[in-house]
């Protein structure tokens, strides 16, 4: 019977090997190995023939075998809170640039602020033999990483410290930044200032609330419980918290937002009100300069770069005690934080106290 089907020219799952390259180029296996690994001892003409064979066959070096020989994967893992959060874009990019400069591949994933998912993702990266980890923690207990760290996986935490273990950490000055932002509102005459922050279990939320309270205490101002709201950054919750603060017998004349997601919702909500409300947000956001939003800006790229550089120092053999690095924040006045209280209160139909 005549054959009616033709065997495909390419078969899935059959990658070309160094032997295939050597045969096509007419050289020995060791010569191919030298070319692939950038070693000396190969003439220019021979290297050209090997490179032409590599290109023609679509050969790629087997890094798994290389790992077995050298014990390093030339890859690092990054566990983020939320890949969709604009704050983590420049942080991730900075980590990737440092990794690339060290000849390493970056693999990242999102914990979605779920401690269990964070642990699952971090251990999955360890199982794939990454050389190091950079973690933005969602949980408060990181003892699960102790065996991995003892096995040689360098680990640096960023934005928030590790829980219940000693490890390198790179932070922004959340306390100092919030204190400066609230003090800025106080300096412009405000005495009733609201604070809307993230979940109370999150380190940065707690530190920014602490900074808010410190600024109020510095000015000898009492804080009404109704002026403080911690919880989900989901828009509905933020809108409800803001509405409550701006109503009642003692409405606030100014608001401090604990992070960029709170800021976005609050700015949208305040834009629909008849009168202005003084506002300062922690984290810069896109178009904040055009919208005139006063912010406490942290340098997300510097956080990522500093954490990655610390990680690669560990991988290069630095064995000193775990370090805590705190990066400064910057107050950027653009108009919203400089609205006087009389203007804000008169818009609410009340006299300033």
C-alpha atoms as a PDB file:
ATOM      1  CA  UNK A   1       0.000   0.000   0.000  1.00  0.00           C
ATOM      2  CA  UNK A   2       1.301   3.402  -0.910  1.00  0.00           C
ATOM      3  CA  UNK A   3       2.157   5.707   1.963  1.00  0.00           C
ATOM      4  CA  UNK A   4      -0.418   8.522   2.064  1.00  0.00           C
ATOM      5  CA  UNK A   5       1.065  10.654   4.856  1.00  0.00           C
ATOM      6  CA  UNK A   6       4.420  12.317   5.074  1.00  0.00           C
ATOM      7  CA  UNK A   7       6.506  12.414   8.213  1.00  0.00           C
ATOM      8  CA  UNK A   8       6.703  16.018   9.492  1.00  0.00           C
ATOM      9  CA  UNK A   9      10.042  17.752   9.022  1.00  0.00           C
ATOM     10  CA  UNK A  10      10.138  18.765  12.689  1.00  0.00           C
ATOM     11  CA  UNK A  11       9.246  16.607  15.683  1.00  0.00           C
ATOM     12  CA  UNK A  12       8.117  18.181  18.921  1.00  0.00           C
ATOM     13  CA  UNK A  13      10.188  17.229  21.950  1.00  0.00           C
ATOM     14  CA  UNK A  14      13.398  16.430  20.042  1.00  0.00           C
ATOM     15  CA  UNK A  15      15.760  19.312  20.618  1.00  0.00           C
ATOM     16  CA  UNK A  16      19.064  19.421  18.759  1.00  0.00           C
ATOM     17  CA  UNK A  17      22.065  18.514  20.904  1.00  0.00           C
ATOM     18  CA  UNK A  18      25.727  19.520  20.964  1.00  0.00           C
ATOM     19  CA  UNK A  19      26.439  16.298  19.068  1.00  0.00           C
ATOM     20  CA  UNK A  20      24.104  17.456  16.299  1.00  0.00           C
ATOM     21  CA  UNK A  21      25.906  20.811  16.154  1.00  0.00           C
ATOM     22  CA  UNK A  22      29.336  19.121  16.113  1.00  0.00           C
ATOM     23  CA  UNK A  23      28.285  16.813  13.264  1.00  0.00           C
ATOM     24  CA  UNK A  24      26.896  19.656  11.172  1.00  0.00           C
ATOM     25  CA  UNK A  25      29.922  21.890  11.758  1.00  0.00           C
ATOM     26  CA  UNK A  26      32.403  19.072  11.292  1.00  0.00           C
ATOM     27  CA  UNK A  27      34.129  19.644  14.636  1.00  0.00           C
ATOM     28  CA  UNK A  28      34.552  17.819  17.915  1.00  0.00           C
ATOM     29  CA  UNK A  29      32.078  17.972  20.818  1.00  0.00           C
ATOM     30  CA  UNK A  30      34.581  19.811  23.041  1.00  0.00           C
ATOM     31  CA  UNK A  31      34.939  22.542  20.407  1.00  0.00           C
ATOM     32  CA  UNK A  32      31.178  23.104  20.406  1.00  0.00           C
ATOM     33  CA  UNK A  33      31.221  23.232  24.206  1.00  0.00           C
ATOM     34  CA  UNK A  34      33.921  25.901  24.146  1.00  0.00           C
ATOM     35  CA  UNK A  35      31.970  28.043  21.693  1.00  0.00           C
ATOM     36  CA  UNK A  36      28.685  27.666  23.589  1.00  0.00           C
ATOM     37  CA  UNK A  37      30.294  28.556  26.923  1.00  0.00           C
ATOM     38  CA  UNK A  38      32.423  31.403  25.563  1.00  0.00           C
ATOM     39  CA  UNK A  39      35.721  29.690  26.306  1.00  0.00           C
ATOM     40  CA  UNK A  40      39.041  30.395  24.562  1.00  0.00           C
ATOM     41  CA  UNK A  41      40.954  28.025  22.282  1.00  0.00           C
ATOM     42  CA  UNK A  42      38.781  28.153  19.137  1.00  0.00           C
ATOM     43  CA  UNK A  43      39.825  29.803  15.881  1.00  0.00           C
ATOM     44  CA  UNK A  44      37.618  32.480  14.340  1.00  0.00           C
ATOM     45  CA  UNK A  45      36.776  30.279  11.321  1.00  0.00           C
ATOM     46  CA  UNK A  46      35.835  27.311  13.500  1.00  0.00           C
ATOM     47  CA  UNK A  47      33.711  29.497  15.786  1.00  0.00           C
ATOM     48  CA  UNK A  48      31.896  30.856  12.734  1.00  0.00           C
ATOM     49  CA  UNK A  49      31.072  27.332  11.478  1.00  0.00           C
ATOM     50  CA  UNK A  50      29.822  26.298  14.904  1.00  0.00           C
ATOM     51  CA  UNK A  51      27.660  29.430  15.239  1.00  0.00           C
ATOM     52  CA  UNK A  52      26.185  28.819  11.773  1.00  0.00           C
ATOM     53  CA  UNK A  53      25.343  25.238  12.774  1.00  0.00           C
ATOM     54  CA  UNK A  54      23.768  26.452  16.028  1.00  0.00           C
ATOM     55  CA  UNK A  55      21.597  28.939  14.147  1.00  0.00           C
ATOM     56  CA  UNK A  56      20.598  26.437  11.454  1.00  0.00           C
ATOM     57  CA  UNK A  57      19.603  23.768  13.978  1.00  0.00           C
ATOM     58  CA  UNK A  58      18.010  26.116  16.529  1.00  0.00           C
ATOM     59  CA  UNK A  59      20.261  24.733  19.269  1.00  0.00           C
ATOM     60  CA  UNK A  60      19.898  26.085  22.837  1.00  0.00           C
ATOM     61  CA  UNK A  61      22.235  25.323  25.710  1.00  0.00           C
ATOM     62  CA  UNK A  62      20.859  22.882  28.310  1.00  0.00           C
ATOM     63  CA  UNK A  63      20.961  25.022  31.434  1.00  0.00           C
ATOM     64  CA  UNK A  64      19.614  22.188  33.593  1.00  0.00           C
ATOM     65  CA  UNK A  65      22.772  20.195  32.958  1.00  0.00           C
ATOM     66  CA  UNK A  66      24.830  23.313  33.600  1.00  0.00           C
ATOM     67  CA  UNK A  67      23.129  23.727  36.990  1.00  0.00           C
ATOM     68  CA  UNK A  68      24.149  20.205  37.965  1.00  0.00           C
ATOM     69  CA  UNK A  69      27.774  21.015  37.116  1.00  0.00           C
ATOM     70  CA  UNK A  70      27.992  24.470  38.659  1.00  0.00           C
ATOM     71  CA  UNK A  71      25.316  24.410  41.366  1.00  0.00           C
ATOM     72  CA  UNK A  72      23.823  27.772  40.259  1.00  0.00           C
ATOM     73  CA  UNK A  73      20.808  28.449  38.044  1.00  0.00           C
ATOM     74  CA  UNK A  74      21.569  32.097  37.240  1.00  0.00           C
ATOM     75  CA  UNK A  75      17.970  32.882  38.168  1.00  0.00           C
ATOM     76  CA  UNK A  76      16.299  34.729  41.038  1.00  0.00           C
ATOM     77  CA  UNK A  77      12.688  34.869  42.170  1.00  0.00           C
ATOM     78  CA  UNK A  78      10.581  37.914  43.046  1.00  0.00           C
ATOM     79  CA  UNK A  79       7.374  37.491  45.071  1.00  0.00           C
ATOM     80  CA  UNK A  80       5.217  40.603  44.695  1.00  0.00           C
ATOM     81  CA  UNK A  81       1.982  41.560  46.388  1.00  0.00           C
ATOM     82  CA  UNK A  82       0.053  42.421  43.220  1.00  0.00           C
ATOM     83  CA  UNK A  83       1.455  42.540  39.683  1.00  0.00           C
ATOM     84  CA  UNK A  84      -1.354  44.925  38.708  1.00  0.00           C
ATOM     85  CA  UNK A  85      -0.364  47.546  41.304  1.00  0.00           C
ATOM     86  CA  UNK A  86       1.497  50.387  39.521  1.00  0.00           C
ATOM     87  CA  UNK A  87       3.831  50.752  42.523  1.00  0.00           C
ATOM     88  CA  UNK A  88       5.420  47.375  41.800  1.00  0.00           C
ATOM     89  CA  UNK A  89       6.162  48.058  38.120  1.00  0.00           C
ATOM     90  CA  UNK A  90       9.297  50.182  38.640  1.00  0.00           C
ATOM     91  CA  UNK A  91      10.327  48.007  41.600  1.00  0.00           C
ATOM     92  CA  UNK A  92      10.179  44.843  39.495  1.00  0.00           C
ATOM     93  CA  UNK A  93      11.929  46.526  36.572  1.00  0.00           C
ATOM     94  CA  UNK A  94      14.781  47.662  38.822  1.00  0.00           C
ATOM     95  CA  UNK A  95      15.237  44.139  40.200  1.00  0.00           C
ATOM     96  CA  UNK A  96      15.251  42.782  36.654  1.00  0.00           C
ATOM     97  CA  UNK A  97      17.914  45.266  35.527  1.00  0.00           C
ATOM     98  CA  UNK A  98      20.222  44.344  38.408  1.00  0.00           C
ATOM     99  CA  UNK A  99      19.649  40.642  37.748  1.00  0.00           C
ATOM    100  CA  UNK A 100      20.391  41.122  34.052  1.00  0.00           C
ATOM    101  CA  UNK A 101      23.625  42.949  34.871  1.00  0.00           C
ATOM    102  CA  UNK A 102      24.634  39.853  36.844  1.00  0.00           C
ATOM    103  CA  UNK A 103      23.685  37.505  34.009  1.00  0.00           C
ATOM    104  CA  UNK A 104      20.628  36.198  35.836  1.00  0.00           C
ATOM    105  CA  UNK A 105      17.007  35.656  34.824  1.00  0.00           C
ATOM    106  CA  UNK A 106      14.182  37.091  36.969  1.00  0.00           C
ATOM    107  CA  UNK A 107      11.070  34.988  37.641  1.00  0.00           C
ATOM    108  CA  UNK A 108       8.237  36.764  39.428  1.00  0.00           C
ATOM    109  CA  UNK A 109       4.738  36.104  40.662  1.00  0.00           C
ATOM    110  CA  UNK A 110       1.992  37.635  42.787  1.00  0.00           C
ATOM    111  CA  UNK A 111       0.843  36.588  46.251  1.00  0.00           C
ATOM    112  CA  UNK A 112      -2.380  38.624  45.960  1.00  0.00           C
ATOM    113  CA  UNK A 113      -1.791  39.646  49.608  1.00  0.00           C
ATOM    114  CA  UNK A 114      -2.508  36.037  50.641  1.00  0.00           C
ATOM    115  CA  UNK A 115       0.047  34.563  53.111  1.00  0.00           C
ATOM    116  CA  UNK A 116      -0.659  30.998  51.979  1.00  0.00           C
ATOM    117  CA  UNK A 117      -0.211  31.917  48.344  1.00  0.00           C
ATOM    118  CA  UNK A 118       3.002  33.763  49.201  1.00  0.00           C
ATOM    119  CA  UNK A 119       4.402  30.648  50.872  1.00  0.00           C
ATOM    120  CA  UNK A 120       3.290  28.418  48.006  1.00  0.00           C
ATOM    121  CA  UNK A 121       4.895  30.700  45.416  1.00  0.00           C
ATOM    122  CA  UNK A 122       8.152  31.224  47.339  1.00  0.00           C
ATOM    123  CA  UNK A 123       8.615  27.481  47.912  1.00  0.00           C
ATOM    124  CA  UNK A 124       7.755  26.728  44.280  1.00  0.00           C
ATOM    125  CA  UNK A 125      10.529  29.085  43.199  1.00  0.00           C
ATOM    126  CA  UNK A 126      12.907  27.399  45.646  1.00  0.00           C
ATOM    127  CA  UNK A 127      11.939  23.998  44.215  1.00  0.00           C
ATOM    128  CA  UNK A 128      12.973  25.298  40.804  1.00  0.00           C
ATOM    129  CA  UNK A 129      16.399  26.007  42.254  1.00  0.00           C
ATOM    130  CA  UNK A 130      16.487  29.797  42.013  1.00  0.00           C
ATOM    131  CA  UNK A 131      19.697  31.157  43.505  1.00  0.00           C
ATOM    132  CA  UNK A 132      17.922  33.823  45.529  1.00  0.00           C
ATOM    133  CA  UNK A 133      14.574  35.309  46.498  1.00  0.00           C
ATOM    134  CA  UNK A 134      13.269  38.840  46.919  1.00  0.00           C
ATOM    135  CA  UNK A 135       9.993  38.803  48.828  1.00  0.00           C
ATOM    136  CA  UNK A 136       7.366  41.465  49.497  1.00  0.00           C
ATOM    137  CA  UNK A 137       5.725  39.647  52.377  1.00  0.00           C
ATOM    138  CA  UNK A 138       2.012  39.087  52.717  1.00  0.00           C
ATOM    139  CA  UNK A 139       2.312  36.941  55.844  1.00  0.00           C
ATOM    140  CA  UNK A 140       3.746  37.505  59.308  1.00  0.00           C
ATOM    141  CA  UNK A 141       5.623  34.222  59.762  1.00  0.00           C
ATOM    142  CA  UNK A 142       8.484  33.359  57.412  1.00  0.00           C
ATOM    143  CA  UNK A 143      10.028  30.491  59.303  1.00  0.00           C
ATOM    144  CA  UNK A 144       9.030  28.275  56.369  1.00  0.00           C
ATOM    145  CA  UNK A 145      11.981  29.822  54.489  1.00  0.00           C
ATOM    146  CA  UNK A 146      14.606  28.961  57.112  1.00  0.00           C
ATOM    147  CA  UNK A 147      15.469  25.540  55.592  1.00  0.00           C
ATOM    148  CA  UNK A 148      15.821  27.143  52.147  1.00  0.00           C
ATOM    149  CA  UNK A 149      18.070  29.890  53.481  1.00  0.00           C
ATOM    150  CA  UNK A 150      20.218  27.342  55.323  1.00  0.00           C
ATOM    151  CA  UNK A 151      20.480  25.436  52.031  1.00  0.00           C
ATOM    152  CA  UNK A 152      22.016  28.525  50.432  1.00  0.00           C
ATOM    153  CA  UNK A 153      19.111  30.423  48.851  1.00  0.00           C
ATOM    154  CA  UNK A 154      19.872  34.094  49.486  1.00  0.00           C
ATOM    155  CA  UNK A 155      16.730  35.957  50.613  1.00  0.00           C
ATOM    156  CA  UNK A 156      15.980  39.666  50.896  1.00  0.00           C
ATOM    157  CA  UNK A 157      12.671  41.192  51.958  1.00  0.00           C
ATOM    158  CA  UNK A 158      11.493  44.506  50.555  1.00  0.00           C
ATOM    159  CA  UNK A 159       8.793  47.071  51.458  1.00  0.00           C
ATOM    160  CA  UNK A 160       7.950  45.093  54.616  1.00  0.00           C
ATOM    161  CA  UNK A 161      10.148  43.138  57.046  1.00  0.00           C
ATOM    162  CA  UNK A 162      10.134  39.368  57.402  1.00  0.00           C
ATOM    163  CA  UNK A 163       8.149  37.827  60.225  1.00  0.00           C
ATOM    164  CA  UNK A 164       9.819  35.746  62.949  1.00  0.00           C
ATOM    165  CA  UNK A 165      13.152  35.330  61.154  1.00  0.00           C
ATOM    166  CA  UNK A 166      16.273  37.465  60.777  1.00  0.00           C
ATOM    167  CA  UNK A 167      16.789  38.517  57.166  1.00  0.00           C
ATOM    168  CA  UNK A 168      17.911  41.456  55.040  1.00  0.00           C
ATOM    169  CA  UNK A 169      15.160  44.002  54.465  1.00  0.00           C
ATOM    170  CA  UNK A 170      14.864  47.210  52.438  1.00  0.00           C
ATOM    171  CA  UNK A 171      12.094  49.623  53.441  1.00  0.00           C
ATOM    172  CA  UNK A 172      10.769  53.080  52.732  1.00  0.00           C
ATOM    173  CA  UNK A 173      10.438  55.386  55.722  1.00  0.00           C
ATOM    174  CA  UNK A 174       6.691  54.885  56.114  1.00  0.00           C
ATOM    175  CA  UNK A 175       6.608  56.350  59.618  1.00  0.00           C
ATOM    176  CA  UNK A 176       8.652  59.438  58.775  1.00  0.00           C
ATOM    177  CA  UNK A 177       6.864  60.020  55.491  1.00  0.00           C
ATOM    178  CA  UNK A 178       3.391  59.899  57.022  1.00  0.00           C
ATOM    179  CA  UNK A 179       4.512  62.105  59.888  1.00  0.00           C
ATOM    180  CA  UNK A 180       5.827  64.689  57.423  1.00  0.00           C
ATOM    181  CA  UNK A 181       2.649  64.570  55.338  1.00  0.00           C
ATOM    182  CA  UNK A 182       0.335  65.112  58.278  1.00  0.00           C
ATOM    183  CA  UNK A 183       2.627  67.791  59.718  1.00  0.00           C
ATOM    184  CA  UNK A 184       2.351  69.535  56.340  1.00  0.00           C
ATOM    185  CA  UNK A 185      -1.437  69.638  56.678  1.00  0.00           C
ATOM    186  CA  UNK A 186      -1.132  70.886  60.254  1.00  0.00           C
ATOM    187  CA  UNK A 187       1.269  73.609  59.128  1.00  0.00           C
ATOM    188  CA  UNK A 188      -1.441  74.808  56.735  1.00  0.00           C
ATOM    189  CA  UNK A 189      -3.894  75.233  59.614  1.00  0.00           C
ATOM    190  CA  UNK A 190      -5.713  71.899  59.762  1.00  0.00           C
ATOM    191  CA  UNK A 191      -6.686  70.438  63.118  1.00  0.00           C
ATOM    192  CA  UNK A 192      -9.183  67.767  62.125  1.00  0.00           C
ATOM    193  CA  UNK A 193      -7.346  65.386  59.819  1.00  0.00           C
ATOM    194  CA  UNK A 194      -8.582  61.979  58.686  1.00  0.00           C
ATOM    195  CA  UNK A 195      -6.451  58.922  57.972  1.00  0.00           C
ATOM    196  CA  UNK A 196      -7.521  56.134  55.590  1.00  0.00           C
ATOM    197  CA  UNK A 197      -5.121  53.197  55.413  1.00  0.00           C
ATOM    198  CA  UNK A 198      -4.682  49.583  54.375  1.00  0.00           C
ATOM    199  CA  UNK A 199      -5.276  46.432  56.417  1.00  0.00           C
ATOM    200  CA  UNK A 200      -4.054  46.732  60.039  1.00  0.00           C
ATOM    201  CA  UNK A 201      -1.996  43.531  59.712  1.00  0.00           C
ATOM    202  CA  UNK A 202       0.219  45.139  57.059  1.00  0.00           C
ATOM    203  CA  UNK A 203       3.470  46.648  58.319  1.00  0.00           C
ATOM    204  CA  UNK A 204       3.364  49.734  56.098  1.00  0.00           C
ATOM    205  CA  UNK A 205      -0.230  50.534  57.130  1.00  0.00           C
ATOM    206  CA  UNK A 206       0.687  50.328  60.809  1.00  0.00           C
ATOM    207  CA  UNK A 207       3.806  52.462  60.364  1.00  0.00           C
ATOM    208  CA  UNK A 208       1.940  55.149  58.419  1.00  0.00           C
ATOM    209  CA  UNK A 209      -0.806  55.271  61.035  1.00  0.00           C
ATOM    210  CA  UNK A 210       1.892  55.591  63.693  1.00  0.00           C
ATOM    211  CA  UNK A 211       3.379  58.513  61.748  1.00  0.00           C
ATOM    212  CA  UNK A 212      -0.055  60.167  61.536  1.00  0.00           C
ATOM    213  CA  UNK A 213      -0.580  59.857  65.276  1.00  0.00           C
ATOM    214  CA  UNK A 214       2.939  61.120  66.001  1.00  0.00           C
ATOM    215  CA  UNK A 215       2.360  64.273  63.921  1.00  0.00           C
ATOM    216  CA  UNK A 216      -0.936  64.929  65.681  1.00  0.00           C
ATOM    217  CA  UNK A 217       0.699  64.392  69.066  1.00  0.00           C
ATOM    218  CA  UNK A 218       3.591  66.682  68.134  1.00  0.00           C
ATOM    219  CA  UNK A 219       1.013  69.418  67.518  1.00  0.00           C
ATOM    220  CA  UNK A 220      -0.889  68.505  70.712  1.00  0.00           C
ATOM    221  CA  UNK A 221      -3.986  67.625  68.707  1.00  0.00           C
ATOM    222  CA  UNK A 222      -6.447  64.998  69.866  1.00  0.00           C
ATOM    223  CA  UNK A 223      -7.498  62.290  67.405  1.00  0.00           C
ATOM    224  CA  UNK A 224     -11.152  61.340  67.192  1.00  0.00           C
ATOM    225  CA  UNK A 225     -11.628  57.604  66.547  1.00  0.00           C
ATOM    226  CA  UNK A 226     -14.017  58.518  63.736  1.00  0.00           C
ATOM    227  CA  UNK A 227     -11.124  60.136  61.869  1.00  0.00           C
ATOM    228  CA  UNK A 228      -9.151  56.890  61.482  1.00  0.00           C
ATOM    229  CA  UNK A 229     -10.072  54.010  59.184  1.00  0.00           C
ATOM    230  CA  UNK A 230      -7.971  50.931  58.354  1.00  0.00           C
ATOM    231  CA  UNK A 231      -9.183  48.130  56.118  1.00  0.00           C
ATOM    232  CA  UNK A 232      -9.448  46.920  52.560  1.00  0.00           C
ATOM    233  CA  UNK A 233      -8.385  49.293  49.796  1.00  0.00           C
ATOM    234  CA  UNK A 234     -11.456  48.203  47.827  1.00  0.00           C
ATOM    235  CA  UNK A 235     -13.097  51.396  46.471  1.00  0.00           C
ATOM    236  CA  UNK A 236     -16.421  50.928  48.217  1.00  0.00           C
ATOM    237  CA  UNK A 237     -14.790  50.652  51.640  1.00  0.00           C
ATOM    238  CA  UNK A 238     -12.651  53.744  51.008  1.00  0.00           C
ATOM    239  CA  UNK A 239     -15.643  55.749  49.788  1.00  0.00           C
ATOM    240  CA  UNK A 240     -17.638  54.823  52.873  1.00  0.00           C
ATOM    241  CA  UNK A 241     -14.782  55.735  55.208  1.00  0.00           C
ATOM    242  CA  UNK A 242     -14.287  59.071  53.464  1.00  0.00           C
ATOM    243  CA  UNK A 243     -18.007  59.898  53.551  1.00  0.00           C
ATOM    244  CA  UNK A 244     -18.149  59.166  57.284  1.00  0.00           C
ATOM    245  CA  UNK A 245     -15.181  61.434  58.006  1.00  0.00           C
ATOM    246  CA  UNK A 246     -16.643  64.307  56.012  1.00  0.00           C
ATOM    247  CA  UNK A 247     -20.011  64.204  57.771  1.00  0.00           C
ATOM    248  CA  UNK A 248     -21.219  64.287  61.364  1.00  0.00           C
ATOM    249  CA  UNK A 249     -20.659  66.897  64.074  1.00  0.00           C
ATOM    250  CA  UNK A 250     -16.858  67.056  63.639  1.00  0.00           C
ATOM    251  CA  UNK A 251     -16.050  66.555  59.959  1.00  0.00           C
ATOM    252  CA  UNK A 252     -12.418  66.514  58.987  1.00  0.00           C
ATOM    253  CA  UNK A 253     -11.033  69.374  56.926  1.00  0.00           C
ATOM    254  CA  UNK A 254      -8.152  67.335  55.520  1.00  0.00           C
ATOM    255  CA  UNK A 255      -7.434  63.697  54.644  1.00  0.00           C
ATOM    256  CA  UNK A 256      -4.209  61.682  54.565  1.00  0.00           C
ATOM    257  CA  UNK A 257      -4.334  58.551  52.369  1.00  0.00           C
ATOM    258  CA  UNK A 258      -2.176  55.583  53.379  1.00  0.00           C
ATOM    259  CA  UNK A 259      -1.266  54.317  49.895  1.00  0.00           C
ATOM    260  CA  UNK A 260      -1.753  54.818  46.160  1.00  0.00           C
ATOM    261  CA  UNK A 261      -4.936  52.748  45.856  1.00  0.00           C
ATOM    262  CA  UNK A 262      -6.622  54.713  48.631  1.00  0.00           C
ATOM    263  CA  UNK A 263      -5.445  57.915  46.971  1.00  0.00           C
ATOM    264  CA  UNK A 264      -6.991  57.045  43.594  1.00  0.00           C
ATOM    265  CA  UNK A 265     -10.405  56.310  45.119  1.00  0.00           C
ATOM    266  CA  UNK A 266     -10.302  59.310  47.432  1.00  0.00           C
ATOM    267  CA  UNK A 267      -9.336  61.730  44.650  1.00  0.00           C
ATOM    268  CA  UNK A 268     -12.195  60.469  42.479  1.00  0.00           C
ATOM    269  CA  UNK A 269     -14.644  60.846  45.361  1.00  0.00           C
ATOM    270  CA  UNK A 270     -13.425  64.302  46.377  1.00  0.00           C
ATOM    271  CA  UNK A 271     -13.655  65.495  42.774  1.00  0.00           C
ATOM    272  CA  UNK A 272     -17.429  65.037  42.955  1.00  0.00           C
ATOM    273  CA  UNK A 273     -17.848  67.202  46.063  1.00  0.00           C
ATOM    274  CA  UNK A 274     -18.871  70.838  45.922  1.00  0.00           C
ATOM    275  CA  UNK A 275     -16.028  72.214  48.013  1.00  0.00           C
ATOM    276  CA  UNK A 276     -12.337  71.402  48.230  1.00  0.00           C
ATOM    277  CA  UNK A 277     -10.899  69.168  50.953  1.00  0.00           C
ATOM    278  CA  UNK A 278      -7.200  69.325  51.724  1.00  0.00           C
ATOM    279  CA  UNK A 279      -5.530  66.059  50.765  1.00  0.00           C
ATOM    280  CA  UNK A 280      -2.121  64.367  50.933  1.00  0.00           C
ATOM    281  CA  UNK A 281      -1.466  60.833  49.694  1.00  0.00           C
ATOM    282  CA  UNK A 282       1.322  58.395  50.485  1.00  0.00           C
ATOM    283  CA  UNK A 283       2.804  57.167  47.159  1.00  0.00           C
ATOM    284  CA  UNK A 284       2.896  59.147  43.976  1.00  0.00           C
ATOM    285  CA  UNK A 285       0.391  58.206  41.285  1.00  0.00           C
ATOM    286  CA  UNK A 286       0.159  58.721  37.548  1.00  0.00           C
ATOM    287  CA  UNK A 287      -1.031  62.228  36.570  1.00  0.00           C
ATOM    288  CA  UNK A 288      -0.734  63.463  40.173  1.00  0.00           C
ATOM    289  CA  UNK A 289       1.342  66.381  38.894  1.00  0.00           C
ATOM    290  CA  UNK A 290      -1.384  67.380  36.432  1.00  0.00           C
ATOM    291  CA  UNK A 291      -4.138  66.917  39.005  1.00  0.00           C
ATOM    292  CA  UNK A 292      -2.288  68.925  41.644  1.00  0.00           C
ATOM    293  CA  UNK A 293      -2.151  66.150  44.234  1.00  0.00           C
ATOM    294  CA  UNK A 294       0.289  66.618  47.081  1.00  0.00           C
ATOM    295  CA  UNK A 295       2.036  63.336  47.904  1.00  0.00           C
ATOM    296  CA  UNK A 296       4.668  61.655  49.988  1.00  0.00           C
ATOM    297  CA  UNK A 297       6.674  59.932  47.264  1.00  0.00           C
ATOM    298  CA  UNK A 298       8.716  56.821  47.821  1.00  0.00           C
ATOM    299  CA  UNK A 299      11.217  55.595  45.243  1.00  0.00           C
ATOM    300  CA  UNK A 300       9.956  52.156  44.201  1.00  0.00           C
ATOM    301  CA  UNK A 301      12.824  51.689  41.753  1.00  0.00           C
ATOM    302  CA  UNK A 302      15.377  52.440  44.469  1.00  0.00           C
ATOM    303  CA  UNK A 303      13.694  49.884  46.719  1.00  0.00           C
ATOM    304  CA  UNK A 304      13.971  47.205  44.045  1.00  0.00           C
ATOM    305  CA  UNK A 305      17.507  48.132  43.038  1.00  0.00           C
ATOM    306  CA  UNK A 306      18.782  48.251  46.632  1.00  0.00           C
ATOM    307  CA  UNK A 307      17.166  44.905  47.472  1.00  0.00           C
ATOM    308  CA  UNK A 308      18.558  43.259  44.338  1.00  0.00           C
ATOM    309  CA  UNK A 309      22.052  44.609  44.924  1.00  0.00           C
ATOM    310  CA  UNK A 310      21.928  43.270  48.474  1.00  0.00           C
ATOM    311  CA  UNK A 311      20.778  39.894  47.157  1.00  0.00           C
ATOM    312  CA  UNK A 312      23.664  39.609  44.705  1.00  0.00           C
ATOM    313  CA  UNK A 313      26.158  40.628  47.372  1.00  0.00           C
ATOM    314  CA  UNK A 314      24.878  37.653  49.355  1.00  0.00           C
ATOM    315  CA  UNK A 315      25.251  35.443  46.303  1.00  0.00           C
ATOM    316  CA  UNK A 316      28.806  36.708  45.881  1.00  0.00           C
ATOM    317  CA  UNK A 317      29.645  35.452  49.355  1.00  0.00           C
ATOM    318  CA  UNK A 318      29.025  38.414  51.688  1.00  0.00           C
ATOM    319  CA  UNK A 319      28.180  36.783  55.014  1.00  0.00           C
ATOM    320  CA  UNK A 320      27.613  39.680  57.419  1.00  0.00           C
ATOM    321  CA  UNK A 321      24.637  40.093  59.755  1.00  0.00           C
ATOM    322  CA  UNK A 322      21.205  40.744  58.196  1.00  0.00           C
ATOM    323  CA  UNK A 323      20.868  44.453  57.363  1.00  0.00           C
ATOM    324  CA  UNK A 324      17.865  46.767  57.649  1.00  0.00           C
ATOM    325  CA  UNK A 325      18.010  49.551  55.047  1.00  0.00           C
ATOM    326  CA  UNK A 326      15.489  52.414  55.216  1.00  0.00           C
ATOM    327  CA  UNK A 327      15.128  54.759  52.234  1.00  0.00           C
ATOM    328  CA  UNK A 328      13.899  58.335  52.618  1.00  0.00           C
ATOM    329  CA  UNK A 329      10.583  59.577  51.260  1.00  0.00           C
ATOM    330  CA  UNK A 330       9.968  63.007  49.715  1.00  0.00           C
ATOM    331  CA  UNK A 331       7.096  65.455  50.242  1.00  0.00           C
ATOM    332  CA  UNK A 332       5.953  66.893  46.900  1.00  0.00           C
ATOM    333  CA  UNK A 333       3.526  69.834  47.377  1.00  0.00           C
ATOM    334  CA  UNK A 334       1.276  70.328  44.358  1.00  0.00           C
ATOM    335  CA  UNK A 335      -1.761  72.178  45.701  1.00  0.00           C
ATOM    336  CA  UNK A 336      -4.167  69.690  47.291  1.00  0.00           C
ATOM    337  CA  UNK A 337      -2.279  69.633  50.588  1.00  0.00           C
ATOM    338  CA  UNK A 338      -2.077  73.424  50.769  1.00  0.00           C
ATOM    339  CA  UNK A 339      -5.834  74.197  50.828  1.00  0.00           C
ATOM    340  CA  UNK A 340      -6.600  76.263  53.981  1.00  0.00           C
ATOM    341  CA  UNK A 341      -9.071  74.817  56.517  1.00  0.00           C
ATOM    342  CA  UNK A 342     -11.427  77.802  56.427  1.00  0.00           C
ATOM    343  CA  UNK A 343     -12.010  77.174  52.717  1.00  0.00           C
ATOM    344  CA  UNK A 344     -12.558  73.452  53.277  1.00  0.00           C
ATOM    345  CA  UNK A 345     -14.885  73.937  56.247  1.00  0.00           C
ATOM    346  CA  UNK A 346     -16.936  76.701  54.662  1.00  0.00           C
ATOM    347  CA  UNK A 347     -17.559  74.344  51.755  1.00  0.00           C
ATOM    348  CA  UNK A 348     -19.062  71.939  54.301  1.00  0.00           C
ATOM    349  CA  UNK A 349     -21.214  74.710  55.760  1.00  0.00           C
ATOM    350  CA  UNK A 350     -19.424  74.794  59.126  1.00  0.00           C
ATOM    351  CA  UNK A 351     -17.152  77.169  60.968  1.00  0.00           C
ATOM    352  CA  UNK A 352     -13.589  76.068  61.743  1.00  0.00           C
ATOM    353  CA  UNK A 353     -12.911  75.096  65.337  1.00  0.00           C
END
